[in-house]
Amino acid sequence: MKFFFLLISTILSIELILFLNFIEKCKYFLNLIKKNNKLFIFKKSSDYWKQKLILIIALKVIKLGIILLALIILIVVPFFIINFFDERFIDLVFSIIGIFEIIIISLIYILLRNKFVQK
């Protein structure tokens, strides 16, 4: 029964990751941080414009950081909902066997999903 719960929660989390474009948002977040770091190296622009750009990028990073935090919480929710019904479920999720099962379930599900679902 625990394997079934693990299967359902893993598939729900993967679907949330794909539906909410979590990976693209993470890439954009890292791109903003790289862009901010490049401003410090760029010698040709004045400090005034660097301050303006850093402020704009910092606000985008804060906004996207809050969105990513909310998405992470939403992605983990299926595991906590199942833990509400079976209190030892989280012990399975964080055990080595549970992590290995989640990885295997994720890989198989993504391969099957890519094979049968057209983009």
PDB file of N, CA and C in Angstrom:
ATOM      1  N   MET A   1       0.816  -1.189   0.000  1.00  0.00           N
ATOM      2  CA  MET A   1       0.000   0.000   0.000  1.00  0.00           C
ATOM      3  C   MET A   1       0.865   1.260   0.000  1.00  0.00           C
ATOM      4  N   LYS A   2       1.991   1.206   0.718  1.00  0.00           N
ATOM      5  CA  LYS A   2       2.863   2.376   0.763  1.00  0.00           C
ATOM      6  C   LYS A   2       3.475   2.661  -0.601  1.00  0.00           C
ATOM      7  N   PHE A   3       3.778   1.575  -1.357  1.00  0.00           N
ATOM      8  CA  PHE A   3       4.328   1.775  -2.697  1.00  0.00           C
ATOM      9  C   PHE A   3       3.301   2.470  -3.590  1.00  0.00           C
ATOM     10  N   PHE A   4       2.043   2.109  -3.461  1.00  0.00           N
ATOM     11  CA  PHE A   4       0.987   2.756  -4.239  1.00  0.00           C
ATOM     12  C   PHE A   4       0.896   4.242  -3.890  1.00  0.00           C
ATOM     13  N   PHE A   5       0.948   4.561  -2.607  1.00  0.00           N
ATOM     14  CA  PHE A   5       0.943   5.963  -2.190  1.00  0.00           C
ATOM     15  C   PHE A   5       2.163   6.710  -2.735  1.00  0.00           C
ATOM     16  N   LEU A   6       3.310   6.054  -2.697  1.00  0.00           N
ATOM     17  CA  LEU A   6       4.541   6.656  -3.215  1.00  0.00           C
ATOM     18  C   LEU A   6       4.419   6.897  -4.718  1.00  0.00           C
ATOM     19  N   LEU A   7       3.850   5.950  -5.419  1.00  0.00           N
ATOM     20  CA  LEU A   7       3.648   6.071  -6.859  1.00  0.00           C
ATOM     21  C   LEU A   7       2.732   7.251  -7.176  1.00  0.00           C
ATOM     22  N   ILE A   8       1.617   7.340  -6.496  1.00  0.00           N
ATOM     23  CA  ILE A   8       0.649   8.420  -6.741  1.00  0.00           C
ATOM     24  C   ILE A   8       1.243   9.785  -6.414  1.00  0.00           C
ATOM     25  N   SER A   9       1.894   9.907  -5.270  1.00  0.00           N
ATOM     26  CA  SER A   9       2.441  11.211  -4.883  1.00  0.00           C
ATOM     27  C   SER A   9       3.589  11.626  -5.802  1.00  0.00           C
ATOM     28  N   THR A  10       4.393  10.663  -6.249  1.00  0.00           N
ATOM     29  CA  THR A  10       5.491  10.994  -7.161  1.00  0.00           C
ATOM     30  C   THR A  10       4.948  11.454  -8.509  1.00  0.00           C
ATOM     31  N   ILE A  11       3.964  10.764  -9.030  1.00  0.00           N
ATOM     32  CA  ILE A  11       3.375  11.146 -10.322  1.00  0.00           C
ATOM     33  C   ILE A  11       2.699  12.510 -10.217  1.00  0.00           C
ATOM     34  N   LEU A  12       1.984  12.763  -9.131  1.00  0.00           N
ATOM     35  CA  LEU A  12       1.365  14.083  -8.939  1.00  0.00           C
ATOM     36  C   LEU A  12       2.411  15.193  -8.882  1.00  0.00           C
ATOM     37  N   SER A  13       3.516  14.933  -8.191  1.00  0.00           N
ATOM     38  CA  SER A  13       4.573  15.939  -8.084  1.00  0.00           C
ATOM     39  C   SER A  13       5.229  16.193  -9.435  1.00  0.00           C
ATOM     40  N   ILE A  14       5.463  15.142 -10.202  1.00  0.00           N
ATOM     41  CA  ILE A  14       6.052  15.312 -11.532  1.00  0.00           C
ATOM     42  C   ILE A  14       5.118  16.111 -12.430  1.00  0.00           C
ATOM     43  N   GLU A  15       3.837  15.787 -12.389  1.00  0.00           N
ATOM     44  CA  GLU A  15       2.875  16.531 -13.205  1.00  0.00           C
ATOM     45  C   GLU A  15       2.810  18.005 -12.789  1.00  0.00           C
ATOM     46  N   LEU A  16       2.901  18.277 -11.501  1.00  0.00           N
ATOM     47  CA  LEU A  16       2.938  19.676 -11.046  1.00  0.00           C
ATOM     48  C   LEU A  16       4.186  20.383 -11.540  1.00  0.00           C
ATOM     49  N   ILE A  17       5.317  19.696 -11.486  1.00  0.00           N
ATOM     50  CA  ILE A  17       6.571  20.285 -11.977  1.00  0.00           C
ATOM     51  C   ILE A  17       6.445  20.640 -13.454  1.00  0.00           C
ATOM     52  N   LEU A  18       5.874  19.725 -14.238  1.00  0.00           N
ATOM     53  CA  LEU A  18       5.737  19.966 -15.673  1.00  0.00           C
ATOM     54  C   LEU A  18       4.662  21.010 -15.971  1.00  0.00           C
ATOM     55  N   PHE A  19       3.541  20.945 -15.278  1.00  0.00           N
ATOM     56  CA  PHE A  19       2.442  21.865 -15.539  1.00  0.00           C
ATOM     57  C   PHE A  19       2.786  23.299 -15.157  1.00  0.00           C
ATOM     58  N   LEU A  20       3.516  23.464 -14.073  1.00  0.00           N
ATOM     59  CA  LEU A  20       3.833  24.806 -13.576  1.00  0.00           C
ATOM     60  C   LEU A  20       5.136  25.378 -14.148  1.00  0.00           C
ATOM     61  N   ASN A  21       5.743  24.680 -15.101  1.00  0.00           N
ATOM     62  CA  ASN A  21       7.004  25.110 -15.733  1.00  0.00           C
ATOM     63  C   ASN A  21       8.080  25.419 -14.701  1.00  0.00           C
ATOM     64  N   PHE A  22       8.196  24.540 -13.731  1.00  0.00           N
ATOM     65  CA  PHE A  22       9.136  24.752 -12.628  1.00  0.00           C
ATOM     66  C   PHE A  22      10.584  24.809 -13.119  1.00  0.00           C
ATOM     67  N   ILE A  23      10.951  23.951 -14.023  1.00  0.00           N
ATOM     68  CA  ILE A  23      12.338  23.890 -14.500  1.00  0.00           C
ATOM     69  C   ILE A  23      12.691  25.158 -15.267  1.00  0.00           C
ATOM     70  N   GLU A  24      11.773  25.649 -16.099  1.00  0.00           N
ATOM     71  CA  GLU A  24      12.037  26.883 -16.848  1.00  0.00           C
ATOM     72  C   GLU A  24      12.173  28.078 -15.905  1.00  0.00           C
ATOM     73  N   LYS A  25      11.359  28.088 -14.857  1.00  0.00           N
ATOM     74  CA  LYS A  25      11.459  29.176 -13.880  1.00  0.00           C
ATOM     75  C   LYS A  25      12.799  29.131 -13.135  1.00  0.00           C
ATOM     76  N   CYS A  26      13.283  27.922 -12.842  1.00  0.00           N
ATOM     77  CA  CYS A  26      14.586  27.797 -12.187  1.00  0.00           C
ATOM     78  C   CYS A  26      15.706  28.270 -13.104  1.00  0.00           C
ATOM     79  N   LYS A  27      15.605  27.920 -14.381  1.00  0.00           N
ATOM     80  CA  LYS A  27      16.617  28.378 -15.347  1.00  0.00           C
ATOM     81  C   LYS A  27      16.620  29.903 -15.459  1.00  0.00           C
ATOM     82  N   TYR A  28      15.424  30.497 -15.485  1.00  0.00           N
ATOM     83  CA  TYR A  28      15.315  31.955 -15.549  1.00  0.00           C
ATOM     84  C   TYR A  28      15.889  32.599 -14.287  1.00  0.00           C
ATOM     85  N   PHE A  29      15.634  31.980 -13.138  1.00  0.00           N
ATOM     86  CA  PHE A  29      16.168  32.472 -11.868  1.00  0.00           C
ATOM     87  C   PHE A  29      17.704  32.469 -11.896  1.00  0.00           C
ATOM     88  N   LEU A  30      18.290  31.365 -12.345  1.00  0.00           N
ATOM     89  CA  LEU A  30      19.756  31.290 -12.437  1.00  0.00           C
ATOM     90  C   LEU A  30      20.300  32.276 -13.456  1.00  0.00           C
ATOM     91  N   ASN A  31      19.566  32.491 -14.539  1.00  0.00           N
ATOM     92  CA  ASN A  31      19.988  33.454 -15.550  1.00  0.00           C
ATOM     93  C   ASN A  31      19.996  34.870 -14.985  1.00  0.00           C
ATOM     94  N   LEU A  32      19.001  35.204 -14.169  1.00  0.00           N
ATOM     95  CA  LEU A  32      18.978  36.529 -13.539  1.00  0.00           C
ATOM     96  C   LEU A  32      20.180  36.723 -12.607  1.00  0.00           C
ATOM     97  N   ILE A  33      20.519  35.686 -11.859  1.00  0.00           N
ATOM     98  CA  ILE A  33      21.662  35.789 -10.950  1.00  0.00           C
ATOM     99  C   ILE A  33      22.956  35.952 -11.733  1.00  0.00           C
ATOM    100  N   LYS A  34      23.099  35.219 -12.839  1.00  0.00           N
ATOM    101  CA  LYS A  34      24.294  35.372 -13.685  1.00  0.00           C
ATOM    102  C   LYS A  34      24.365  36.771 -14.283  1.00  0.00           C
ATOM    103  N   LYS A  35      23.209  37.278 -14.707  1.00  0.00           N
ATOM    104  CA  LYS A  35      23.160  38.623 -15.277  1.00  0.00           C
ATOM    105  C   LYS A  35      23.572  39.662 -14.234  1.00  0.00           C
ATOM    106  N   ASN A  36      23.140  39.466 -13.005  1.00  0.00           N
ATOM    107  CA  ASN A  36      23.503  40.376 -11.925  1.00  0.00           C
ATOM    108  C   ASN A  36      25.004  40.329 -11.662  1.00  0.00           C
ATOM    109  N   ASN A  37      25.583  39.128 -11.701  1.00  0.00           N
ATOM    110  CA  ASN A  37      27.019  38.997 -11.470  1.00  0.00           C
ATOM    111  C   ASN A  37      27.837  39.633 -12.593  1.00  0.00           C
ATOM    112  N   LYS A  38      27.334  39.588 -13.814  1.00  0.00           N
ATOM    113  CA  LYS A  38      28.047  40.197 -14.943  1.00  0.00           C
ATOM    114  C   LYS A  38      28.104  41.719 -14.822  1.00  0.00           C
ATOM    115  N   LEU A  39      27.128  42.303 -14.156  1.00  0.00           N
ATOM    116  CA  LEU A  39      27.121  43.760 -13.992  1.00  0.00           C
ATOM    117  C   LEU A  39      28.325  44.245 -13.191  1.00  0.00           C
ATOM    118  N   PHE A  40      28.767  43.454 -12.242  1.00  0.00           N
ATOM    119  CA  PHE A  40      29.912  43.861 -11.421  1.00  0.00           C
ATOM    120  C   PHE A  40      31.198  43.838 -12.222  1.00  0.00           C
ATOM    121  N   ILE A  41      31.283  42.989 -13.210  1.00  0.00           N
ATOM    122  CA  ILE A  41      32.496  42.866 -14.013  1.00  0.00           C
ATOM    123  C   ILE A  41      32.541  43.927 -15.108  1.00  0.00           C
ATOM    124  N   PHE A  42      31.376  44.345 -15.591  1.00  0.00           N
ATOM    125  CA  PHE A  42      31.280  45.280 -16.705  1.00  0.00           C
ATOM    126  C   PHE A  42      31.815  46.645 -16.292  1.00  0.00           C
ATOM    127  N   LYS A  43      32.912  47.085 -16.897  1.00  0.00           N
ATOM    128  CA  LYS A  43      33.599  48.320 -16.498  1.00  0.00           C
ATOM    129  C   LYS A  43      33.122  49.562 -17.245  1.00  0.00           C
ATOM    130  N   LYS A  44      32.489  49.389 -18.394  1.00  0.00           N
ATOM    131  CA  LYS A  44      32.184  50.531 -19.249  1.00  0.00           C
ATOM    132  C   LYS A  44      30.988  51.359 -18.783  1.00  0.00           C
ATOM    133  N   SER A  45      30.082  50.784 -18.051  1.00  0.00           N
ATOM    134  CA  SER A  45      28.914  51.551 -17.628  1.00  0.00           C
ATOM    135  C   SER A  45      29.184  52.260 -16.296  1.00  0.00           C
ATOM    136  N   SER A  46      28.429  53.304 -16.076  1.00  0.00           N
ATOM    137  CA  SER A  46      28.624  54.093 -14.859  1.00  0.00           C
ATOM    138  C   SER A  46      27.972  53.388 -13.662  1.00  0.00           C
ATOM    139  N   ASP A  47      28.375  53.821 -12.491  1.00  0.00           N
ATOM    140  CA  ASP A  47      27.816  53.239 -11.269  1.00  0.00           C
ATOM    141  C   ASP A  47      26.328  53.525 -11.137  1.00  0.00           C
ATOM    142  N   TYR A  48      25.897  54.662 -11.652  1.00  0.00           N
ATOM    143  CA  TYR A  48      24.492  55.022 -11.588  1.00  0.00           C
ATOM    144  C   TYR A  48      23.636  53.987 -12.316  1.00  0.00           C
ATOM    145  N   TRP A  49      24.037  53.641 -13.551  1.00  0.00           N
ATOM    146  CA  TRP A  49      23.267  52.660 -14.326  1.00  0.00           C
ATOM    147  C   TRP A  49      23.397  51.261 -13.741  1.00  0.00           C
ATOM    148  N   LYS A  50      24.541  50.956 -13.177  1.00  0.00           N
ATOM    149  CA  LYS A  50      24.698  49.653 -12.511  1.00  0.00           C
ATOM    150  C   LYS A  50      23.734  49.542 -11.326  1.00  0.00           C
ATOM    151  N   GLN A  51      23.610  50.617 -10.556  1.00  0.00           N
ATOM    152  CA  GLN A  51      22.683  50.603  -9.423  1.00  0.00           C
ATOM    153  C   GLN A  51      21.246  50.417  -9.884  1.00  0.00           C
ATOM    154  N   LYS A  52      20.880  51.094 -10.958  1.00  0.00           N
ATOM    155  CA  LYS A  52      19.520  50.966 -11.484  1.00  0.00           C
ATOM    156  C   LYS A  52      19.257  49.523 -11.945  1.00  0.00           C
ATOM    157  N   LEU A  53      20.189  48.962 -12.695  1.00  0.00           N
ATOM    158  CA  LEU A  53      20.005  47.600 -13.197  1.00  0.00           C
ATOM    159  C   LEU A  53      20.018  46.571 -12.073  1.00  0.00           C
ATOM    160  N   ILE A  54      20.893  46.765 -11.093  1.00  0.00           N
ATOM    161  CA  ILE A  54      20.949  45.837  -9.963  1.00  0.00           C
ATOM    162  C   ILE A  54      19.637  45.864  -9.194  1.00  0.00           C
ATOM    163  N   LEU A  55      19.052  47.044  -9.022  1.00  0.00           N
ATOM    164  CA  LEU A  55      17.769  47.157  -8.331  1.00  0.00           C
ATOM    165  C   LEU A  55      16.659  46.428  -9.098  1.00  0.00           C
ATOM    166  N   ILE A  56      16.628  46.616 -10.410  1.00  0.00           N
ATOM    167  CA  ILE A  56      15.616  45.952 -11.239  1.00  0.00           C
ATOM    168  C   ILE A  56      15.785  44.440 -11.172  1.00  0.00           C
ATOM    169  N   ILE A  57      17.018  43.969 -11.314  1.00  0.00           N
ATOM    170  CA  ILE A  57      17.278  42.529 -11.274  1.00  0.00           C
ATOM    171  C   ILE A  57      16.989  41.970  -9.884  1.00  0.00           C
ATOM    172  N   ALA A  58      17.347  42.703  -8.848  1.00  0.00           N
ATOM    173  CA  ALA A  58      17.097  42.228  -7.485  1.00  0.00           C
ATOM    174  C   ALA A  58      15.602  42.076  -7.214  1.00  0.00           C
ATOM    175  N   LEU A  59      14.800  43.007  -7.698  1.00  0.00           N
ATOM    176  CA  LEU A  59      13.354  42.891  -7.520  1.00  0.00           C
ATOM    177  C   LEU A  59      12.795  41.681  -8.268  1.00  0.00           C
ATOM    178  N   LYS A  60      13.330  41.431  -9.467  1.00  0.00           N
ATOM    179  CA  LYS A  60      12.901  40.246 -10.217  1.00  0.00           C
ATOM    180  C   LYS A  60      13.310  38.965  -9.494  1.00  0.00           C
ATOM    181  N   VAL A  61      14.525  38.961  -8.924  1.00  0.00           N
ATOM    182  CA  VAL A  61      15.009  37.781  -8.198  1.00  0.00           C
ATOM    183  C   VAL A  61      14.146  37.522  -6.964  1.00  0.00           C
ATOM    184  N   ILE A  62      13.801  38.572  -6.240  1.00  0.00           N
ATOM    185  CA  ILE A  62      12.952  38.417  -5.049  1.00  0.00           C
ATOM    186  C   ILE A  62      11.575  37.884  -5.438  1.00  0.00           C
ATOM    187  N   LYS A  63      10.983  38.457  -6.466  1.00  0.00           N
ATOM    188  CA  LYS A  63       9.660  38.024  -6.916  1.00  0.00           C
ATOM    189  C   LYS A  63       9.699  36.565  -7.367  1.00  0.00           C
ATOM    190  N   LEU A  64      10.685  36.220  -8.187  1.00  0.00           N
ATOM    191  CA  LEU A  64      10.786  34.852  -8.679  1.00  0.00           C
ATOM    192  C   LEU A  64      11.160  33.881  -7.570  1.00  0.00           C
ATOM    193  N   GLY A  65      11.950  34.334  -6.610  1.00  0.00           N
ATOM    194  CA  GLY A  65      12.301  33.491  -5.467  1.00  0.00           C
ATOM    195  C   GLY A  65      11.076  33.120  -4.641  1.00  0.00           C
ATOM    196  N   ILE A  66      10.191  34.082  -4.437  1.00  0.00           N
ATOM    197  CA  ILE A  66       8.952  33.805  -3.706  1.00  0.00           C
ATOM    198  C   ILE A  66       8.069  32.846  -4.494  1.00  0.00           C
ATOM    199  N   ILE A  67       7.996  33.048  -5.809  1.00  0.00           N
ATOM    200  CA  ILE A  67       7.205  32.145  -6.652  1.00  0.00           C
ATOM    201  C   ILE A  67       7.780  30.734  -6.604  1.00  0.00           C
ATOM    202  N   LEU A  68       9.104  30.600  -6.695  1.00  0.00           N
ATOM    203  CA  LEU A  68       9.732  29.277  -6.646  1.00  0.00           C
ATOM    204  C   LEU A  68       9.518  28.598  -5.302  1.00  0.00           C
ATOM    205  N   LEU A  69       9.587  29.356  -4.233  1.00  0.00           N
ATOM    206  CA  LEU A  69       9.326  28.790  -2.909  1.00  0.00           C
ATOM    207  C   LEU A  69       7.894  28.271  -2.805  1.00  0.00           C
ATOM    208  N   ALA A  70       6.946  29.041  -3.330  1.00  0.00           N
ATOM    209  CA  ALA A  70       5.545  28.603  -3.323  1.00  0.00           C
ATOM    210  C   ALA A  70       5.368  27.353  -4.182  1.00  0.00           C
ATOM    211  N   LEU A  71       6.053  27.292  -5.311  1.00  0.00           N
ATOM    212  CA  LEU A  71       5.956  26.113  -6.178  1.00  0.00           C
ATOM    213  C   LEU A  71       6.559  24.880  -5.516  1.00  0.00           C
ATOM    214  N   ILE A  72       7.672  25.051  -4.818  1.00  0.00           N
ATOM    215  CA  ILE A  72       8.285  23.920  -4.112  1.00  0.00           C
ATOM    216  C   ILE A  72       7.335  23.390  -3.044  1.00  0.00           C
ATOM    217  N   ILE A  73       6.711  24.292  -2.322  1.00  0.00           N
ATOM    218  CA  ILE A  73       5.739  23.867  -1.305  1.00  0.00           C
ATOM    219  C   ILE A  73       4.582  23.127  -1.970  1.00  0.00           C
ATOM    220  N   LEU A  74       4.103  23.639  -3.093  1.00  0.00           N
ATOM    221  CA  LEU A  74       2.994  22.998  -3.797  1.00  0.00           C
ATOM    222  C   LEU A  74       3.385  21.624  -4.339  1.00  0.00           C
ATOM    223  N   ILE A  75       4.625  21.466  -4.788  1.00  0.00           N
ATOM    224  CA  ILE A  75       5.093  20.190  -5.317  1.00  0.00           C
ATOM    225  C   ILE A  75       5.221  19.144  -4.211  1.00  0.00           C
ATOM    226  N   VAL A  76       5.540  19.565  -3.002  1.00  0.00           N
ATOM    227  CA  VAL A  76       5.726  18.645  -1.879  1.00  0.00           C
ATOM    228  C   VAL A  76       4.397  18.301  -1.191  1.00  0.00           C
ATOM    229  N   VAL A  77       3.365  19.080  -1.465  1.00  0.00           N
ATOM    230  CA  VAL A  77       2.070  18.875  -0.811  1.00  0.00           C
ATOM    231  C   VAL A  77       1.518  17.454  -0.970  1.00  0.00           C
ATOM    232  N   PRO A  78       1.586  16.811  -2.155  1.00  0.00           N
ATOM    233  CA  PRO A  78       1.039  15.443  -2.241  1.00  0.00           C
ATOM    234  C   PRO A  78       1.664  14.470  -1.232  1.00  0.00           C
ATOM    235  N   PHE A  79       2.946  14.622  -0.966  1.00  0.00           N
ATOM    236  CA  PHE A  79       3.602  13.747   0.005  1.00  0.00           C
ATOM    237  C   PHE A  79       3.068  13.993   1.418  1.00  0.00           C
ATOM    238  N   PHE A  80       2.816  15.252   1.765  1.00  0.00           N
ATOM    239  CA  PHE A  80       2.312  15.562   3.097  1.00  0.00           C
ATOM    240  C   PHE A  80       0.840  15.209   3.260  1.00  0.00           C
ATOM    241  N   ILE A  81       0.082  15.282   2.176  1.00  0.00           N
ATOM    242  CA  ILE A  81      -1.325  14.865   2.256  1.00  0.00           C
ATOM    243  C   ILE A  81      -1.400  13.366   2.541  1.00  0.00           C
ATOM    244  N   ILE A  82      -0.588  12.591   1.837  1.00  0.00           N
ATOM    245  CA  ILE A  82      -0.573  11.145   2.086  1.00  0.00           C
ATOM    246  C   ILE A  82      -0.033  10.847   3.476  1.00  0.00           C
ATOM    247  N   ASN A  83       0.916  11.638   3.950  1.00  0.00           N
ATOM    248  CA  ASN A  83       1.443  11.448   5.295  1.00  0.00           C
ATOM    249  C   ASN A  83       0.365  11.700   6.347  1.00  0.00           C
ATOM    250  N   PHE A  84      -0.605  12.520   6.026  1.00  0.00           N
ATOM    251  CA  PHE A  84      -1.719  12.774   6.941  1.00  0.00           C
ATOM    252  C   PHE A  84      -2.511  11.486   7.209  1.00  0.00           C
ATOM    253  N   PHE A  85      -2.624  10.650   6.179  1.00  0.00           N
ATOM    254  CA  PHE A  85      -3.362   9.390   6.322  1.00  0.00           C
ATOM    255  C   PHE A  85      -2.484   8.254   6.848  1.00  0.00           C
ATOM    256  N   ASP A  86      -1.209   8.259   6.484  1.00  0.00           N
ATOM    257  CA  ASP A  86      -0.279   7.218   6.926  1.00  0.00           C
ATOM    258  C   ASP A  86       0.940   7.918   7.521  1.00  0.00           C
ATOM    259  N   GLU A  87       1.037   7.944   8.836  1.00  0.00           N
ATOM    260  CA  GLU A  87       2.046   8.747   9.522  1.00  0.00           C
ATOM    261  C   GLU A  87       3.479   8.289   9.267  1.00  0.00           C
ATOM    262  N   ARG A  88       3.672   7.060   8.856  1.00  0.00           N
ATOM    263  CA  ARG A  88       5.022   6.562   8.605  1.00  0.00           C
ATOM    264  C   ARG A  88       5.438   6.726   7.144  1.00  0.00           C
ATOM    265  N   PHE A  89       4.597   7.359   6.346  1.00  0.00           N
ATOM    266  CA  PHE A  89       4.899   7.539   4.926  1.00  0.00           C
ATOM    267  C   PHE A  89       6.130   8.404   4.719  1.00  0.00           C
ATOM    268  N   ILE A  90       6.266   9.472   5.475  1.00  0.00           N
ATOM    269  CA  ILE A  90       7.429  10.359   5.334  1.00  0.00           C
ATOM    270  C   ILE A  90       8.714   9.605   5.674  1.00  0.00           C
ATOM    271  N   ASP A  91       8.651   8.673   6.609  1.00  0.00           N
ATOM    272  CA  ASP A  91       9.831   7.854   6.911  1.00  0.00           C
ATOM    273  C   ASP A  91      10.272   7.085   5.672  1.00  0.00           C
ATOM    274  N   LEU A  92       9.309   6.568   4.906  1.00  0.00           N
ATOM    275  CA  LEU A  92       9.635   5.873   3.666  1.00  0.00           C
ATOM    276  C   LEU A  92      10.209   6.825   2.632  1.00  0.00           C
ATOM    277  N   VAL A  93       9.617   7.996   2.500  1.00  0.00           N
ATOM    278  CA  VAL A  93      10.059   8.967   1.493  1.00  0.00           C
ATOM    279  C   VAL A  93      11.512   9.380   1.725  1.00  0.00           C
ATOM    280  N   PHE A  94      11.907   9.578   2.980  1.00  0.00           N
ATOM    281  CA  PHE A  94      13.257  10.045   3.270  1.00  0.00           C
ATOM    282  C   PHE A  94      14.253   8.923   3.524  1.00  0.00           C
ATOM    283  N   SER A  95      13.819   7.677   3.425  1.00  0.00           N
ATOM    284  CA  SER A  95      14.752   6.564   3.573  1.00  0.00           C
ATOM    285  C   SER A  95      15.489   6.345   2.248  1.00  0.00           C
ATOM    286  N   ILE A  96      16.584   5.640   2.296  1.00  0.00           N
ATOM    287  CA  ILE A  96      17.367   5.376   1.084  1.00  0.00           C
ATOM    288  C   ILE A  96      16.538   4.570   0.086  1.00  0.00           C
ATOM    289  N   ILE A  97      15.807   3.600   0.570  1.00  0.00           N
ATOM    290  CA  ILE A  97      14.958   2.795  -0.309  1.00  0.00           C
ATOM    291  C   ILE A  97      13.866   3.662  -0.933  1.00  0.00           C
ATOM    292  N   GLY A  98      13.272   4.539  -0.145  1.00  0.00           N
ATOM    293  CA  GLY A  98      12.230   5.427  -0.657  1.00  0.00           C
ATOM    294  C   GLY A  98      12.750   6.379  -1.711  1.00  0.00           C
ATOM    295  N   ILE A  99      13.920   6.945  -1.471  1.00  0.00           N
ATOM    296  CA  ILE A  99      14.522   7.856  -2.459  1.00  0.00           C
ATOM    297  C   ILE A  99      14.832   7.104  -3.742  1.00  0.00           C
ATOM    298  N   PHE A 100      15.363   5.893  -3.612  1.00  0.00           N
ATOM    299  CA  PHE A 100      15.658   5.068  -4.780  1.00  0.00           C
ATOM    300  C   PHE A 100      14.364   4.748  -5.539  1.00  0.00           C
ATOM    301  N   GLU A 101      13.301   4.403  -4.826  1.00  0.00           N
ATOM    302  CA  GLU A 101      12.015   4.115  -5.474  1.00  0.00           C
ATOM    303  C   GLU A 101      11.455   5.349  -6.169  1.00  0.00           C
ATOM    304  N   ILE A 102      11.580   6.508  -5.557  1.00  0.00           N
ATOM    305  CA  ILE A 102      11.102   7.748  -6.179  1.00  0.00           C
ATOM    306  C   ILE A 102      11.859   8.029  -7.462  1.00  0.00           C
ATOM    307  N   ILE A 103      13.164   7.821  -7.449  1.00  0.00           N
ATOM    308  CA  ILE A 103      13.969   8.041  -8.655  1.00  0.00           C
ATOM    309  C   ILE A 103      13.549   7.082  -9.757  1.00  0.00           C
ATOM    310  N   ILE A 104      13.386   5.800  -9.422  1.00  0.00           N
ATOM    311  CA  ILE A 104      12.990   4.812 -10.424  1.00  0.00           C
ATOM    312  C   ILE A 104      11.591   5.120 -10.965  1.00  0.00           C
ATOM    313  N   ILE A 105      10.651   5.421 -10.076  1.00  0.00           N
ATOM    314  CA  ILE A 105       9.285   5.764 -10.505  1.00  0.00           C
ATOM    315  C   ILE A 105       9.314   6.989 -11.417  1.00  0.00           C
ATOM    316  N   SER A 106      10.093   7.993 -11.042  1.00  0.00           N
ATOM    317  CA  SER A 106      10.168   9.223 -11.834  1.00  0.00           C
ATOM    318  C   SER A 106      10.724   8.950 -13.225  1.00  0.00           C
ATOM    319  N   LEU A 107      11.811   8.189 -13.290  1.00  0.00           N
ATOM    320  CA  LEU A 107      12.415   7.900 -14.593  1.00  0.00           C
ATOM    321  C   LEU A 107      11.464   7.112 -15.488  1.00  0.00           C
ATOM    322  N   ILE A 108      10.854   6.084 -14.940  1.00  0.00           N
ATOM    323  CA  ILE A 108       9.927   5.277 -15.727  1.00  0.00           C
ATOM    324  C   ILE A 108       8.731   6.109 -16.166  1.00  0.00           C
ATOM    325  N   TYR A 109       8.182   6.911 -15.265  1.00  0.00           N
ATOM    326  CA  TYR A 109       7.018   7.721 -15.613  1.00  0.00           C
ATOM    327  C   TYR A 109       7.359   8.750 -16.689  1.00  0.00           C
ATOM    328  N   ILE A 110       8.503   9.398 -16.571  1.00  0.00           N
ATOM    329  CA  ILE A 110       8.878  10.408 -17.566  1.00  0.00           C
ATOM    330  C   ILE A 110       9.126   9.756 -18.919  1.00  0.00           C
ATOM    331  N   LEU A 111       9.781   8.591 -18.942  1.00  0.00           N
ATOM    332  CA  LEU A 111       9.993   7.889 -20.205  1.00  0.00           C
ATOM    333  C   LEU A 111       8.667   7.486 -20.847  1.00  0.00           C
ATOM    334  N   LEU A 112       7.757   6.922 -20.057  1.00  0.00           N
ATOM    335  CA  LEU A 112       6.454   6.533 -20.590  1.00  0.00           C
ATOM    336  C   LEU A 112       5.636   7.750 -21.022  1.00  0.00           C
ATOM    337  N   ARG A 113       5.721   8.796 -20.251  1.00  0.00           N
ATOM    338  CA  ARG A 113       4.968  10.006 -20.580  1.00  0.00           C
ATOM    339  C   ARG A 113       5.469  10.612 -21.883  1.00  0.00           C
ATOM    340  N   ASN A 114       6.787  10.663 -22.054  1.00  0.00           N
ATOM    341  CA  ASN A 114       7.351  11.208 -23.287  1.00  0.00           C
ATOM    342  C   ASN A 114       7.022  10.327 -24.486  1.00  0.00           C
ATOM    343  N   LYS A 115       6.888   9.047 -24.272  1.00  0.00           N
ATOM    344  CA  LYS A 115       6.588   8.122 -25.362  1.00  0.00           C
ATOM    345  C   LYS A 115       5.135   8.222 -25.807  1.00  0.00           C
ATOM    346  N   PHE A 116       4.203   8.413 -24.862  1.00  0.00           N
ATOM    347  CA  PHE A 116       2.783   8.382 -25.189  1.00  0.00           C
ATOM    348  C   PHE A 116       2.129   9.754 -25.300  1.00  0.00           C
ATOM    349  N   VAL A 117       2.678  10.754 -24.684  1.00  0.00           N
ATOM    350  CA  VAL A 117       2.081  12.094 -24.730  1.00  0.00           C
ATOM    351  C   VAL A 117       2.838  12.927 -25.743  1.00  0.00           C
ATOM    352  N   GLN A 118       2.121  13.447 -26.715  1.00  0.00           N
ATOM    353  CA  GLN A 118       2.756  14.279 -27.719  1.00  0.00           C
ATOM    354  C   GLN A 118       2.777  15.715 -27.255  1.00  0.00           C
ATOM    355  N   LYS A 119       3.828  16.401 -27.623  1.00  0.00           N
ATOM    356  CA  LYS A 119       3.996  17.796 -27.196  1.00  0.00           C
ATOM    357  C   LYS A 119       3.364  18.737 -28.185  1.00  0.00           C
TER     358      LYS A 119
END
